[in-house]
Amino acid sequence: GQLLADLGAQVIKIEHPQRGDDTRS
């Protein structure tokens, strides 16, 4: 997803409202 964003795409990251992406923690 990051590579596609770098290439100019609009990337919407869908995350859980409380936990978010596991790697945030």
PDBML (XML) file of the C-alpha atoms, coordinates in Angstrom:
<?xml version="1.0" encoding="UTF-8" ?>
<PDBx:datablock datablockName="MODEL"
   xmlns:PDBx="http://pdbml.pdb.org/schema/pdbx-v50.xsd"
   xmlns:xsi="http://www.w3.org/2001/XMLSchema-instance"
   xsi:schemaLocation="http://pdbml.pdb.org/schema/pdbx-v50.xsd pdbx-v50.xsd">
   <PDBx:atom_siteCategory>
      <PDBx:atom_site id="1">
         <PDBx:B_iso_or_equiv>0.00</PDBx:B_iso_or_equiv>
         <PDBx:Cartn_x>0.000</PDBx:Cartn_x>
         <PDBx:Cartn_y>0.000</PDBx:Cartn_y>
         <PDBx:Cartn_z>0.000</PDBx:Cartn_z>
         <PDBx:auth_asym_id>A</PDBx:auth_asym_id>
         <PDBx:auth_atom_id>CA</PDBx:auth_atom_id>
         <PDBx:auth_comp_id>GLY</PDBx:auth_comp_id>
         <PDBx:auth_seq_id>1</PDBx:auth_seq_id>
         <PDBx:group_PDB>ATOM</PDBx:group_PDB>
         <PDBx:label_alt_id xsi:nil="true" />
         <PDBx:label_asym_id>A</PDBx:label_asym_id>
         <PDBx:label_atom_id>CA</PDBx:label_atom_id>
         <PDBx:label_comp_id>GLY</PDBx:label_comp_id>
         <PDBx:label_entity_id>1</PDBx:label_entity_id>
         <PDBx:label_seq_id>1</PDBx:label_seq_id>
         <PDBx:occupancy>1.00</PDBx:occupancy>
         <PDBx:pdbx_PDB_model_num>1</PDBx:pdbx_PDB_model_num>
         <PDBx:type_symbol>C</PDBx:type_symbol>
      </PDBx:atom_site>
      <PDBx:atom_site id="2">
         <PDBx:B_iso_or_equiv>0.00</PDBx:B_iso_or_equiv>
         <PDBx:Cartn_x>2.818</PDBx:Cartn_x>
         <PDBx:Cartn_y>2.422</PDBx:Cartn_y>
         <PDBx:Cartn_z>0.777</PDBx:Cartn_z>
         <PDBx:auth_asym_id>A</PDBx:auth_asym_id>
         <PDBx:auth_atom_id>CA</PDBx:auth_atom_id>
         <PDBx:auth_comp_id>GLN</PDBx:auth_comp_id>
         <PDBx:auth_seq_id>2</PDBx:auth_seq_id>
         <PDBx:group_PDB>ATOM</PDBx:group_PDB>
         <PDBx:label_alt_id xsi:nil="true" />
         <PDBx:label_asym_id>A</PDBx:label_asym_id>
         <PDBx:label_atom_id>CA</PDBx:label_atom_id>
         <PDBx:label_comp_id>GLN</PDBx:label_comp_id>
         <PDBx:label_entity_id>1</PDBx:label_entity_id>
         <PDBx:label_seq_id>2</PDBx:label_seq_id>
         <PDBx:occupancy>1.00</PDBx:occupancy>
         <PDBx:pdbx_PDB_model_num>1</PDBx:pdbx_PDB_model_num>
         <PDBx:type_symbol>C</PDBx:type_symbol>
      </PDBx:atom_site>
      <PDBx:atom_site id="3">
         <PDBx:B_iso_or_equiv>0.00</PDBx:B_iso_or_equiv>
         <PDBx:Cartn_x>4.463</PDBx:Cartn_x>
         <PDBx:Cartn_y>1.711</PDBx:Cartn_y>
         <PDBx:Cartn_z>-2.565</PDBx:Cartn_z>
         <PDBx:auth_asym_id>A</PDBx:auth_asym_id>
         <PDBx:auth_atom_id>CA</PDBx:auth_atom_id>
         <PDBx:auth_comp_id>LEU</PDBx:auth_comp_id>
         <PDBx:auth_seq_id>3</PDBx:auth_seq_id>
         <PDBx:group_PDB>ATOM</PDBx:group_PDB>
         <PDBx:label_alt_id xsi:nil="true" />
         <PDBx:label_asym_id>A</PDBx:label_asym_id>
         <PDBx:label_atom_id>CA</PDBx:label_atom_id>
         <PDBx:label_comp_id>LEU</PDBx:label_comp_id>
         <PDBx:label_entity_id>1</PDBx:label_entity_id>
         <PDBx:label_seq_id>3</PDBx:label_seq_id>
         <PDBx:occupancy>1.00</PDBx:occupancy>
         <PDBx:pdbx_PDB_model_num>1</PDBx:pdbx_PDB_model_num>
         <PDBx:type_symbol>C</PDBx:type_symbol>
      </PDBx:atom_site>
      <PDBx:atom_site id="4">
         <PDBx:B_iso_or_equiv>0.00</PDBx:B_iso_or_equiv>
         <PDBx:Cartn_x>1.185</PDBx:Cartn_x>
         <PDBx:Cartn_y>2.362</PDBx:Cartn_y>
         <PDBx:Cartn_z>-4.382</PDBx:Cartn_z>
         <PDBx:auth_asym_id>A</PDBx:auth_asym_id>
         <PDBx:auth_atom_id>CA</PDBx:auth_atom_id>
         <PDBx:auth_comp_id>LEU</PDBx:auth_comp_id>
         <PDBx:auth_seq_id>4</PDBx:auth_seq_id>
         <PDBx:group_PDB>ATOM</PDBx:group_PDB>
         <PDBx:label_alt_id xsi:nil="true" />
         <PDBx:label_asym_id>A</PDBx:label_asym_id>
         <PDBx:label_atom_id>CA</PDBx:label_atom_id>
         <PDBx:label_comp_id>LEU</PDBx:label_comp_id>
         <PDBx:label_entity_id>1</PDBx:label_entity_id>
         <PDBx:label_seq_id>4</PDBx:label_seq_id>
         <PDBx:occupancy>1.00</PDBx:occupancy>
         <PDBx:pdbx_PDB_model_num>1</PDBx:pdbx_PDB_model_num>
         <PDBx:type_symbol>C</PDBx:type_symbol>
      </PDBx:atom_site>
      <PDBx:atom_site id="5">
         <PDBx:B_iso_or_equiv>0.00</PDBx:B_iso_or_equiv>
         <PDBx:Cartn_x>0.813</PDBx:Cartn_x>
         <PDBx:Cartn_y>5.616</PDBx:Cartn_y>
         <PDBx:Cartn_z>-2.427</PDBx:Cartn_z>
         <PDBx:auth_asym_id>A</PDBx:auth_asym_id>
         <PDBx:auth_atom_id>CA</PDBx:auth_atom_id>
         <PDBx:auth_comp_id>ALA</PDBx:auth_comp_id>
         <PDBx:auth_seq_id>5</PDBx:auth_seq_id>
         <PDBx:group_PDB>ATOM</PDBx:group_PDB>
         <PDBx:label_alt_id xsi:nil="true" />
         <PDBx:label_asym_id>A</PDBx:label_asym_id>
         <PDBx:label_atom_id>CA</PDBx:label_atom_id>
         <PDBx:label_comp_id>ALA</PDBx:label_comp_id>
         <PDBx:label_entity_id>1</PDBx:label_entity_id>
         <PDBx:label_seq_id>5</PDBx:label_seq_id>
         <PDBx:occupancy>1.00</PDBx:occupancy>
         <PDBx:pdbx_PDB_model_num>1</PDBx:pdbx_PDB_model_num>
         <PDBx:type_symbol>C</PDBx:type_symbol>
      </PDBx:atom_site>
      <PDBx:atom_site id="6">
         <PDBx:B_iso_or_equiv>0.00</PDBx:B_iso_or_equiv>
         <PDBx:Cartn_x>4.351</PDBx:Cartn_x>
         <PDBx:Cartn_y>6.643</PDBx:Cartn_y>
         <PDBx:Cartn_z>-3.362</PDBx:Cartn_z>
         <PDBx:auth_asym_id>A</PDBx:auth_asym_id>
         <PDBx:auth_atom_id>CA</PDBx:auth_atom_id>
         <PDBx:auth_comp_id>ASP</PDBx:auth_comp_id>
         <PDBx:auth_seq_id>6</PDBx:auth_seq_id>
         <PDBx:group_PDB>ATOM</PDBx:group_PDB>
         <PDBx:label_alt_id xsi:nil="true" />
         <PDBx:label_asym_id>A</PDBx:label_asym_id>
         <PDBx:label_atom_id>CA</PDBx:label_atom_id>
         <PDBx:label_comp_id>ASP</PDBx:label_comp_id>
         <PDBx:label_entity_id>1</PDBx:label_entity_id>
         <PDBx:label_seq_id>6</PDBx:label_seq_id>
         <PDBx:occupancy>1.00</PDBx:occupancy>
         <PDBx:pdbx_PDB_model_num>1</PDBx:pdbx_PDB_model_num>
         <PDBx:type_symbol>C</PDBx:type_symbol>
      </PDBx:atom_site>
      <PDBx:atom_site id="7">
         <PDBx:B_iso_or_equiv>0.00</PDBx:B_iso_or_equiv>
         <PDBx:Cartn_x>3.390</PDBx:Cartn_x>
         <PDBx:Cartn_y>6.019</PDBx:Cartn_y>
         <PDBx:Cartn_z>-6.988</PDBx:Cartn_z>
         <PDBx:auth_asym_id>A</PDBx:auth_asym_id>
         <PDBx:auth_atom_id>CA</PDBx:auth_atom_id>
         <PDBx:auth_comp_id>LEU</PDBx:auth_comp_id>
         <PDBx:auth_seq_id>7</PDBx:auth_seq_id>
         <PDBx:group_PDB>ATOM</PDBx:group_PDB>
         <PDBx:label_alt_id xsi:nil="true" />
         <PDBx:label_asym_id>A</PDBx:label_asym_id>
         <PDBx:label_atom_id>CA</PDBx:label_atom_id>
         <PDBx:label_comp_id>LEU</PDBx:label_comp_id>
         <PDBx:label_entity_id>1</PDBx:label_entity_id>
         <PDBx:label_seq_id>7</PDBx:label_seq_id>
         <PDBx:occupancy>1.00</PDBx:occupancy>
         <PDBx:pdbx_PDB_model_num>1</PDBx:pdbx_PDB_model_num>
         <PDBx:type_symbol>C</PDBx:type_symbol>
      </PDBx:atom_site>
      <PDBx:atom_site id="8">
         <PDBx:B_iso_or_equiv>0.00</PDBx:B_iso_or_equiv>
         <PDBx:Cartn_x>0.559</PDBx:Cartn_x>
         <PDBx:Cartn_y>8.512</PDBx:Cartn_y>
         <PDBx:Cartn_z>-6.672</PDBx:Cartn_z>
         <PDBx:auth_asym_id>A</PDBx:auth_asym_id>
         <PDBx:auth_atom_id>CA</PDBx:auth_atom_id>
         <PDBx:auth_comp_id>GLY</PDBx:auth_comp_id>
         <PDBx:auth_seq_id>8</PDBx:auth_seq_id>
         <PDBx:group_PDB>ATOM</PDBx:group_PDB>
         <PDBx:label_alt_id xsi:nil="true" />
         <PDBx:label_asym_id>A</PDBx:label_asym_id>
         <PDBx:label_atom_id>CA</PDBx:label_atom_id>
         <PDBx:label_comp_id>GLY</PDBx:label_comp_id>
         <PDBx:label_entity_id>1</PDBx:label_entity_id>
         <PDBx:label_seq_id>8</PDBx:label_seq_id>
         <PDBx:occupancy>1.00</PDBx:occupancy>
         <PDBx:pdbx_PDB_model_num>1</PDBx:pdbx_PDB_model_num>
         <PDBx:type_symbol>C</PDBx:type_symbol>
      </PDBx:atom_site>
      <PDBx:atom_site id="9">
         <PDBx:B_iso_or_equiv>0.00</PDBx:B_iso_or_equiv>
         <PDBx:Cartn_x>-2.523</PDBx:Cartn_x>
         <PDBx:Cartn_y>6.459</PDBx:Cartn_y>
         <PDBx:Cartn_z>-5.767</PDBx:Cartn_z>
         <PDBx:auth_asym_id>A</PDBx:auth_asym_id>
         <PDBx:auth_atom_id>CA</PDBx:auth_atom_id>
         <PDBx:auth_comp_id>ALA</PDBx:auth_comp_id>
         <PDBx:auth_seq_id>9</PDBx:auth_seq_id>
         <PDBx:group_PDB>ATOM</PDBx:group_PDB>
         <PDBx:label_alt_id xsi:nil="true" />
         <PDBx:label_asym_id>A</PDBx:label_asym_id>
         <PDBx:label_atom_id>CA</PDBx:label_atom_id>
         <PDBx:label_comp_id>ALA</PDBx:label_comp_id>
         <PDBx:label_entity_id>1</PDBx:label_entity_id>
         <PDBx:label_seq_id>9</PDBx:label_seq_id>
         <PDBx:occupancy>1.00</PDBx:occupancy>
         <PDBx:pdbx_PDB_model_num>1</PDBx:pdbx_PDB_model_num>
         <PDBx:type_symbol>C</PDBx:type_symbol>
      </PDBx:atom_site>
      <PDBx:atom_site id="10">
         <PDBx:B_iso_or_equiv>0.00</PDBx:B_iso_or_equiv>
         <PDBx:Cartn_x>-4.967</PDBx:Cartn_x>
         <PDBx:Cartn_y>7.619</PDBx:Cartn_y>
         <PDBx:Cartn_z>-3.108</PDBx:Cartn_z>
         <PDBx:auth_asym_id>A</PDBx:auth_asym_id>
         <PDBx:auth_atom_id>CA</PDBx:auth_atom_id>
         <PDBx:auth_comp_id>GLN</PDBx:auth_comp_id>
         <PDBx:auth_seq_id>10</PDBx:auth_seq_id>
         <PDBx:group_PDB>ATOM</PDBx:group_PDB>
         <PDBx:label_alt_id xsi:nil="true" />
         <PDBx:label_asym_id>A</PDBx:label_asym_id>
         <PDBx:label_atom_id>CA</PDBx:label_atom_id>
         <PDBx:label_comp_id>GLN</PDBx:label_comp_id>
         <PDBx:label_entity_id>1</PDBx:label_entity_id>
         <PDBx:label_seq_id>10</PDBx:label_seq_id>
         <PDBx:occupancy>1.00</PDBx:occupancy>
         <PDBx:pdbx_PDB_model_num>1</PDBx:pdbx_PDB_model_num>
         <PDBx:type_symbol>C</PDBx:type_symbol>
      </PDBx:atom_site>
      <PDBx:atom_site id="11">
         <PDBx:B_iso_or_equiv>0.00</PDBx:B_iso_or_equiv>
         <PDBx:Cartn_x>-4.624</PDBx:Cartn_x>
         <PDBx:Cartn_y>4.909</PDBx:Cartn_y>
         <PDBx:Cartn_z>-0.457</PDBx:Cartn_z>
         <PDBx:auth_asym_id>A</PDBx:auth_asym_id>
         <PDBx:auth_atom_id>CA</PDBx:auth_atom_id>
         <PDBx:auth_comp_id>VAL</PDBx:auth_comp_id>
         <PDBx:auth_seq_id>11</PDBx:auth_seq_id>
         <PDBx:group_PDB>ATOM</PDBx:group_PDB>
         <PDBx:label_alt_id xsi:nil="true" />
         <PDBx:label_asym_id>A</PDBx:label_asym_id>
         <PDBx:label_atom_id>CA</PDBx:label_atom_id>
         <PDBx:label_comp_id>VAL</PDBx:label_comp_id>
         <PDBx:label_entity_id>1</PDBx:label_entity_id>
         <PDBx:label_seq_id>11</PDBx:label_seq_id>
         <PDBx:occupancy>1.00</PDBx:occupancy>
         <PDBx:pdbx_PDB_model_num>1</PDBx:pdbx_PDB_model_num>
         <PDBx:type_symbol>C</PDBx:type_symbol>
      </PDBx:atom_site>
      <PDBx:atom_site id="12">
         <PDBx:B_iso_or_equiv>0.00</PDBx:B_iso_or_equiv>
         <PDBx:Cartn_x>-7.273</PDBx:Cartn_x>
         <PDBx:Cartn_y>4.731</PDBx:Cartn_y>
         <PDBx:Cartn_z>2.257</PDBx:Cartn_z>
         <PDBx:auth_asym_id>A</PDBx:auth_asym_id>
         <PDBx:auth_atom_id>CA</PDBx:auth_atom_id>
         <PDBx:auth_comp_id>ILE</PDBx:auth_comp_id>
         <PDBx:auth_seq_id>12</PDBx:auth_seq_id>
         <PDBx:group_PDB>ATOM</PDBx:group_PDB>
         <PDBx:label_alt_id xsi:nil="true" />
         <PDBx:label_asym_id>A</PDBx:label_asym_id>
         <PDBx:label_atom_id>CA</PDBx:label_atom_id>
         <PDBx:label_comp_id>ILE</PDBx:label_comp_id>
         <PDBx:label_entity_id>1</PDBx:label_entity_id>
         <PDBx:label_seq_id>12</PDBx:label_seq_id>
         <PDBx:occupancy>1.00</PDBx:occupancy>
         <PDBx:pdbx_PDB_model_num>1</PDBx:pdbx_PDB_model_num>
         <PDBx:type_symbol>C</PDBx:type_symbol>
      </PDBx:atom_site>
      <PDBx:atom_site id="13">
         <PDBx:B_iso_or_equiv>0.00</PDBx:B_iso_or_equiv>
         <PDBx:Cartn_x>-6.086</PDBx:Cartn_x>
         <PDBx:Cartn_y>2.631</PDBx:Cartn_y>
         <PDBx:Cartn_z>5.177</PDBx:Cartn_z>
         <PDBx:auth_asym_id>A</PDBx:auth_asym_id>
         <PDBx:auth_atom_id>CA</PDBx:auth_atom_id>
         <PDBx:auth_comp_id>LYS</PDBx:auth_comp_id>
         <PDBx:auth_seq_id>13</PDBx:auth_seq_id>
         <PDBx:group_PDB>ATOM</PDBx:group_PDB>
         <PDBx:label_alt_id xsi:nil="true" />
         <PDBx:label_asym_id>A</PDBx:label_asym_id>
         <PDBx:label_atom_id>CA</PDBx:label_atom_id>
         <PDBx:label_comp_id>LYS</PDBx:label_comp_id>
         <PDBx:label_entity_id>1</PDBx:label_entity_id>
         <PDBx:label_seq_id>13</PDBx:label_seq_id>
         <PDBx:occupancy>1.00</PDBx:occupancy>
         <PDBx:pdbx_PDB_model_num>1</PDBx:pdbx_PDB_model_num>
         <PDBx:type_symbol>C</PDBx:type_symbol>
      </PDBx:atom_site>
      <PDBx:atom_site id="14">
         <PDBx:B_iso_or_equiv>0.00</PDBx:B_iso_or_equiv>
         <PDBx:Cartn_x>-9.053</PDBx:Cartn_x>
         <PDBx:Cartn_y>0.907</PDBx:Cartn_y>
         <PDBx:Cartn_z>6.827</PDBx:Cartn_z>
         <PDBx:auth_asym_id>A</PDBx:auth_asym_id>
         <PDBx:auth_atom_id>CA</PDBx:auth_atom_id>
         <PDBx:auth_comp_id>ILE</PDBx:auth_comp_id>
         <PDBx:auth_seq_id>14</PDBx:auth_seq_id>
         <PDBx:group_PDB>ATOM</PDBx:group_PDB>
         <PDBx:label_alt_id xsi:nil="true" />
         <PDBx:label_asym_id>A</PDBx:label_asym_id>
         <PDBx:label_atom_id>CA</PDBx:label_atom_id>
         <PDBx:label_comp_id>ILE</PDBx:label_comp_id>
         <PDBx:label_entity_id>1</PDBx:label_entity_id>
         <PDBx:label_seq_id>14</PDBx:label_seq_id>
         <PDBx:occupancy>1.00</PDBx:occupancy>
         <PDBx:pdbx_PDB_model_num>1</PDBx:pdbx_PDB_model_num>
         <PDBx:type_symbol>C</PDBx:type_symbol>
      </PDBx:atom_site>
      <PDBx:atom_site id="15">
         <PDBx:B_iso_or_equiv>0.00</PDBx:B_iso_or_equiv>
         <PDBx:Cartn_x>-8.347</PDBx:Cartn_x>
         <PDBx:Cartn_y>0.421</PDBx:Cartn_y>
         <PDBx:Cartn_z>10.541</PDBx:Cartn_z>
         <PDBx:auth_asym_id>A</PDBx:auth_asym_id>
         <PDBx:auth_atom_id>CA</PDBx:auth_atom_id>
         <PDBx:auth_comp_id>GLU</PDBx:auth_comp_id>
         <PDBx:auth_seq_id>15</PDBx:auth_seq_id>
         <PDBx:group_PDB>ATOM</PDBx:group_PDB>
         <PDBx:label_alt_id xsi:nil="true" />
         <PDBx:label_asym_id>A</PDBx:label_asym_id>
         <PDBx:label_atom_id>CA</PDBx:label_atom_id>
         <PDBx:label_comp_id>GLU</PDBx:label_comp_id>
         <PDBx:label_entity_id>1</PDBx:label_entity_id>
         <PDBx:label_seq_id>15</PDBx:label_seq_id>
         <PDBx:occupancy>1.00</PDBx:occupancy>
         <PDBx:pdbx_PDB_model_num>1</PDBx:pdbx_PDB_model_num>
         <PDBx:type_symbol>C</PDBx:type_symbol>
      </PDBx:atom_site>
      <PDBx:atom_site id="16">
         <PDBx:B_iso_or_equiv>0.00</PDBx:B_iso_or_equiv>
         <PDBx:Cartn_x>-10.211</PDBx:Cartn_x>
         <PDBx:Cartn_y>-0.669</PDBx:Cartn_y>
         <PDBx:Cartn_z>13.656</PDBx:Cartn_z>
         <PDBx:auth_asym_id>A</PDBx:auth_asym_id>
         <PDBx:auth_atom_id>CA</PDBx:auth_atom_id>
         <PDBx:auth_comp_id>HIS</PDBx:auth_comp_id>
         <PDBx:auth_seq_id>16</PDBx:auth_seq_id>
         <PDBx:group_PDB>ATOM</PDBx:group_PDB>
         <PDBx:label_alt_id xsi:nil="true" />
         <PDBx:label_asym_id>A</PDBx:label_asym_id>
         <PDBx:label_atom_id>CA</PDBx:label_atom_id>
         <PDBx:label_comp_id>HIS</PDBx:label_comp_id>
         <PDBx:label_entity_id>1</PDBx:label_entity_id>
         <PDBx:label_seq_id>16</PDBx:label_seq_id>
         <PDBx:occupancy>1.00</PDBx:occupancy>
         <PDBx:pdbx_PDB_model_num>1</PDBx:pdbx_PDB_model_num>
         <PDBx:type_symbol>C</PDBx:type_symbol>
      </PDBx:atom_site>
      <PDBx:atom_site id="17">
         <PDBx:B_iso_or_equiv>0.00</PDBx:B_iso_or_equiv>
         <PDBx:Cartn_x>-11.373</PDBx:Cartn_x>
         <PDBx:Cartn_y>2.436</PDBx:Cartn_y>
         <PDBx:Cartn_z>15.570</PDBx:Cartn_z>
         <PDBx:auth_asym_id>A</PDBx:auth_asym_id>
         <PDBx:auth_atom_id>CA</PDBx:auth_atom_id>
         <PDBx:auth_comp_id>PRO</PDBx:auth_comp_id>
         <PDBx:auth_seq_id>17</PDBx:auth_seq_id>
         <PDBx:group_PDB>ATOM</PDBx:group_PDB>
         <PDBx:label_alt_id xsi:nil="true" />
         <PDBx:label_asym_id>A</PDBx:label_asym_id>
         <PDBx:label_atom_id>CA</PDBx:label_atom_id>
         <PDBx:label_comp_id>PRO</PDBx:label_comp_id>
         <PDBx:label_entity_id>1</PDBx:label_entity_id>
         <PDBx:label_seq_id>17</PDBx:label_seq_id>
         <PDBx:occupancy>1.00</PDBx:occupancy>
         <PDBx:pdbx_PDB_model_num>1</PDBx:pdbx_PDB_model_num>
         <PDBx:type_symbol>C</PDBx:type_symbol>
      </PDBx:atom_site>
      <PDBx:atom_site id="18">
         <PDBx:B_iso_or_equiv>0.00</PDBx:B_iso_or_equiv>
         <PDBx:Cartn_x>-9.705</PDBx:Cartn_x>
         <PDBx:Cartn_y>1.401</PDBx:Cartn_y>
         <PDBx:Cartn_z>18.838</PDBx:Cartn_z>
         <PDBx:auth_asym_id>A</PDBx:auth_asym_id>
         <PDBx:auth_atom_id>CA</PDBx:auth_atom_id>
         <PDBx:auth_comp_id>GLN</PDBx:auth_comp_id>
         <PDBx:auth_seq_id>18</PDBx:auth_seq_id>
         <PDBx:group_PDB>ATOM</PDBx:group_PDB>
         <PDBx:label_alt_id xsi:nil="true" />
         <PDBx:label_asym_id>A</PDBx:label_asym_id>
         <PDBx:label_atom_id>CA</PDBx:label_atom_id>
         <PDBx:label_comp_id>GLN</PDBx:label_comp_id>
         <PDBx:label_entity_id>1</PDBx:label_entity_id>
         <PDBx:label_seq_id>18</PDBx:label_seq_id>
         <PDBx:occupancy>1.00</PDBx:occupancy>
         <PDBx:pdbx_PDB_model_num>1</PDBx:pdbx_PDB_model_num>
         <PDBx:type_symbol>C</PDBx:type_symbol>
      </PDBx:atom_site>
      <PDBx:atom_site id="19">
         <PDBx:B_iso_or_equiv>0.00</PDBx:B_iso_or_equiv>
         <PDBx:Cartn_x>-6.773</PDBx:Cartn_x>
         <PDBx:Cartn_y>-0.841</PDBx:Cartn_y>
         <PDBx:Cartn_z>17.949</PDBx:Cartn_z>
         <PDBx:auth_asym_id>A</PDBx:auth_asym_id>
         <PDBx:auth_atom_id>CA</PDBx:auth_atom_id>
         <PDBx:auth_comp_id>ARG</PDBx:auth_comp_id>
         <PDBx:auth_seq_id>19</PDBx:auth_seq_id>
         <PDBx:group_PDB>ATOM</PDBx:group_PDB>
         <PDBx:label_alt_id xsi:nil="true" />
         <PDBx:label_asym_id>A</PDBx:label_asym_id>
         <PDBx:label_atom_id>CA</PDBx:label_atom_id>
         <PDBx:label_comp_id>ARG</PDBx:label_comp_id>
         <PDBx:label_entity_id>1</PDBx:label_entity_id>
         <PDBx:label_seq_id>19</PDBx:label_seq_id>
         <PDBx:occupancy>1.00</PDBx:occupancy>
         <PDBx:pdbx_PDB_model_num>1</PDBx:pdbx_PDB_model_num>
         <PDBx:type_symbol>C</PDBx:type_symbol>
      </PDBx:atom_site>
      <PDBx:atom_site id="20">
         <PDBx:B_iso_or_equiv>0.00</PDBx:B_iso_or_equiv>
         <PDBx:Cartn_x>-5.730</PDBx:Cartn_x>
         <PDBx:Cartn_y>0.334</PDBx:Cartn_y>
         <PDBx:Cartn_z>14.527</PDBx:Cartn_z>
         <PDBx:auth_asym_id>A</PDBx:auth_asym_id>
         <PDBx:auth_atom_id>CA</PDBx:auth_atom_id>
         <PDBx:auth_comp_id>GLY</PDBx:auth_comp_id>
         <PDBx:auth_seq_id>20</PDBx:auth_seq_id>
         <PDBx:group_PDB>ATOM</PDBx:group_PDB>
         <PDBx:label_alt_id xsi:nil="true" />
         <PDBx:label_asym_id>A</PDBx:label_asym_id>
         <PDBx:label_atom_id>CA</PDBx:label_atom_id>
         <PDBx:label_comp_id>GLY</PDBx:label_comp_id>
         <PDBx:label_entity_id>1</PDBx:label_entity_id>
         <PDBx:label_seq_id>20</PDBx:label_seq_id>
         <PDBx:occupancy>1.00</PDBx:occupancy>
         <PDBx:pdbx_PDB_model_num>1</PDBx:pdbx_PDB_model_num>
         <PDBx:type_symbol>C</PDBx:type_symbol>
      </PDBx:atom_site>
      <PDBx:atom_site id="21">
         <PDBx:B_iso_or_equiv>0.00</PDBx:B_iso_or_equiv>
         <PDBx:Cartn_x>-2.918</PDBx:Cartn_x>
         <PDBx:Cartn_y>-1.477</PDBx:Cartn_y>
         <PDBx:Cartn_z>12.753</PDBx:Cartn_z>
         <PDBx:auth_asym_id>A</PDBx:auth_asym_id>
         <PDBx:auth_atom_id>CA</PDBx:auth_atom_id>
         <PDBx:auth_comp_id>ASP</PDBx:auth_comp_id>
         <PDBx:auth_seq_id>21</PDBx:auth_seq_id>
         <PDBx:group_PDB>ATOM</PDBx:group_PDB>
         <PDBx:label_alt_id xsi:nil="true" />
         <PDBx:label_asym_id>A</PDBx:label_asym_id>
         <PDBx:label_atom_id>CA</PDBx:label_atom_id>
         <PDBx:label_comp_id>ASP</PDBx:label_comp_id>
         <PDBx:label_entity_id>1</PDBx:label_entity_id>
         <PDBx:label_seq_id>21</PDBx:label_seq_id>
         <PDBx:occupancy>1.00</PDBx:occupancy>
         <PDBx:pdbx_PDB_model_num>1</PDBx:pdbx_PDB_model_num>
         <PDBx:type_symbol>C</PDBx:type_symbol>
      </PDBx:atom_site>
      <PDBx:atom_site id="22">
         <PDBx:B_iso_or_equiv>0.00</PDBx:B_iso_or_equiv>
         <PDBx:Cartn_x>-1.201</PDBx:Cartn_x>
         <PDBx:Cartn_y>-3.950</PDBx:Cartn_y>
         <PDBx:Cartn_z>15.108</PDBx:Cartn_z>
         <PDBx:auth_asym_id>A</PDBx:auth_asym_id>
         <PDBx:auth_atom_id>CA</PDBx:auth_atom_id>
         <PDBx:auth_comp_id>ASP</PDBx:auth_comp_id>
         <PDBx:auth_seq_id>22</PDBx:auth_seq_id>
         <PDBx:group_PDB>ATOM</PDBx:group_PDB>
         <PDBx:label_alt_id xsi:nil="true" />
         <PDBx:label_asym_id>A</PDBx:label_asym_id>
         <PDBx:label_atom_id>CA</PDBx:label_atom_id>
         <PDBx:label_comp_id>ASP</PDBx:label_comp_id>
         <PDBx:label_entity_id>1</PDBx:label_entity_id>
         <PDBx:label_seq_id>22</PDBx:label_seq_id>
         <PDBx:occupancy>1.00</PDBx:occupancy>
         <PDBx:pdbx_PDB_model_num>1</PDBx:pdbx_PDB_model_num>
         <PDBx:type_symbol>C</PDBx:type_symbol>
      </PDBx:atom_site>
      <PDBx:atom_site id="23">
         <PDBx:B_iso_or_equiv>0.00</PDBx:B_iso_or_equiv>
         <PDBx:Cartn_x>2.166</PDBx:Cartn_x>
         <PDBx:Cartn_y>-2.324</PDBx:Cartn_y>
         <PDBx:Cartn_z>14.452</PDBx:Cartn_z>
         <PDBx:auth_asym_id>A</PDBx:auth_asym_id>
         <PDBx:auth_atom_id>CA</PDBx:auth_atom_id>
         <PDBx:auth_comp_id>THR</PDBx:auth_comp_id>
         <PDBx:auth_seq_id>23</PDBx:auth_seq_id>
         <PDBx:group_PDB>ATOM</PDBx:group_PDB>
         <PDBx:label_alt_id xsi:nil="true" />
         <PDBx:label_asym_id>A</PDBx:label_asym_id>
         <PDBx:label_atom_id>CA</PDBx:label_atom_id>
         <PDBx:label_comp_id>THR</PDBx:label_comp_id>
         <PDBx:label_entity_id>1</PDBx:label_entity_id>
         <PDBx:label_seq_id>23</PDBx:label_seq_id>
         <PDBx:occupancy>1.00</PDBx:occupancy>
         <PDBx:pdbx_PDB_model_num>1</PDBx:pdbx_PDB_model_num>
         <PDBx:type_symbol>C</PDBx:type_symbol>
      </PDBx:atom_site>
      <PDBx:atom_site id="24">
         <PDBx:B_iso_or_equiv>0.00</PDBx:B_iso_or_equiv>
         <PDBx:Cartn_x>1.090</PDBx:Cartn_x>
         <PDBx:Cartn_y>1.007</PDBx:Cartn_y>
         <PDBx:Cartn_z>15.965</PDBx:Cartn_z>
         <PDBx:auth_asym_id>A</PDBx:auth_asym_id>
         <PDBx:auth_atom_id>CA</PDBx:auth_atom_id>
         <PDBx:auth_comp_id>ARG</PDBx:auth_comp_id>
         <PDBx:auth_seq_id>24</PDBx:auth_seq_id>
         <PDBx:group_PDB>ATOM</PDBx:group_PDB>
         <PDBx:label_alt_id xsi:nil="true" />
         <PDBx:label_asym_id>A</PDBx:label_asym_id>
         <PDBx:label_atom_id>CA</PDBx:label_atom_id>
         <PDBx:label_comp_id>ARG</PDBx:label_comp_id>
         <PDBx:label_entity_id>1</PDBx:label_entity_id>
         <PDBx:label_seq_id>24</PDBx:label_seq_id>
         <PDBx:occupancy>1.00</PDBx:occupancy>
         <PDBx:pdbx_PDB_model_num>1</PDBx:pdbx_PDB_model_num>
         <PDBx:type_symbol>C</PDBx:type_symbol>
      </PDBx:atom_site>
      <PDBx:atom_site id="25">
         <PDBx:B_iso_or_equiv>0.00</PDBx:B_iso_or_equiv>
         <PDBx:Cartn_x>1.842</PDBx:Cartn_x>
         <PDBx:Cartn_y>-0.645</PDBx:Cartn_y>
         <PDBx:Cartn_z>19.315</PDBx:Cartn_z>
         <PDBx:auth_asym_id>A</PDBx:auth_asym_id>
         <PDBx:auth_atom_id>CA</PDBx:auth_atom_id>
         <PDBx:auth_comp_id>SER</PDBx:auth_comp_id>
         <PDBx:auth_seq_id>25</PDBx:auth_seq_id>
         <PDBx:group_PDB>ATOM</PDBx:group_PDB>
         <PDBx:label_alt_id xsi:nil="true" />
         <PDBx:label_asym_id>A</PDBx:label_asym_id>
         <PDBx:label_atom_id>CA</PDBx:label_atom_id>
         <PDBx:label_comp_id>SER</PDBx:label_comp_id>
         <PDBx:label_entity_id>1</PDBx:label_entity_id>
         <PDBx:label_seq_id>25</PDBx:label_seq_id>
         <PDBx:occupancy>1.00</PDBx:occupancy>
         <PDBx:pdbx_PDB_model_num>1</PDBx:pdbx_PDB_model_num>
         <PDBx:type_symbol>C</PDBx:type_symbol>
      </PDBx:atom_site>
   </PDBx:atom_siteCategory>
</PDBx:datablock>
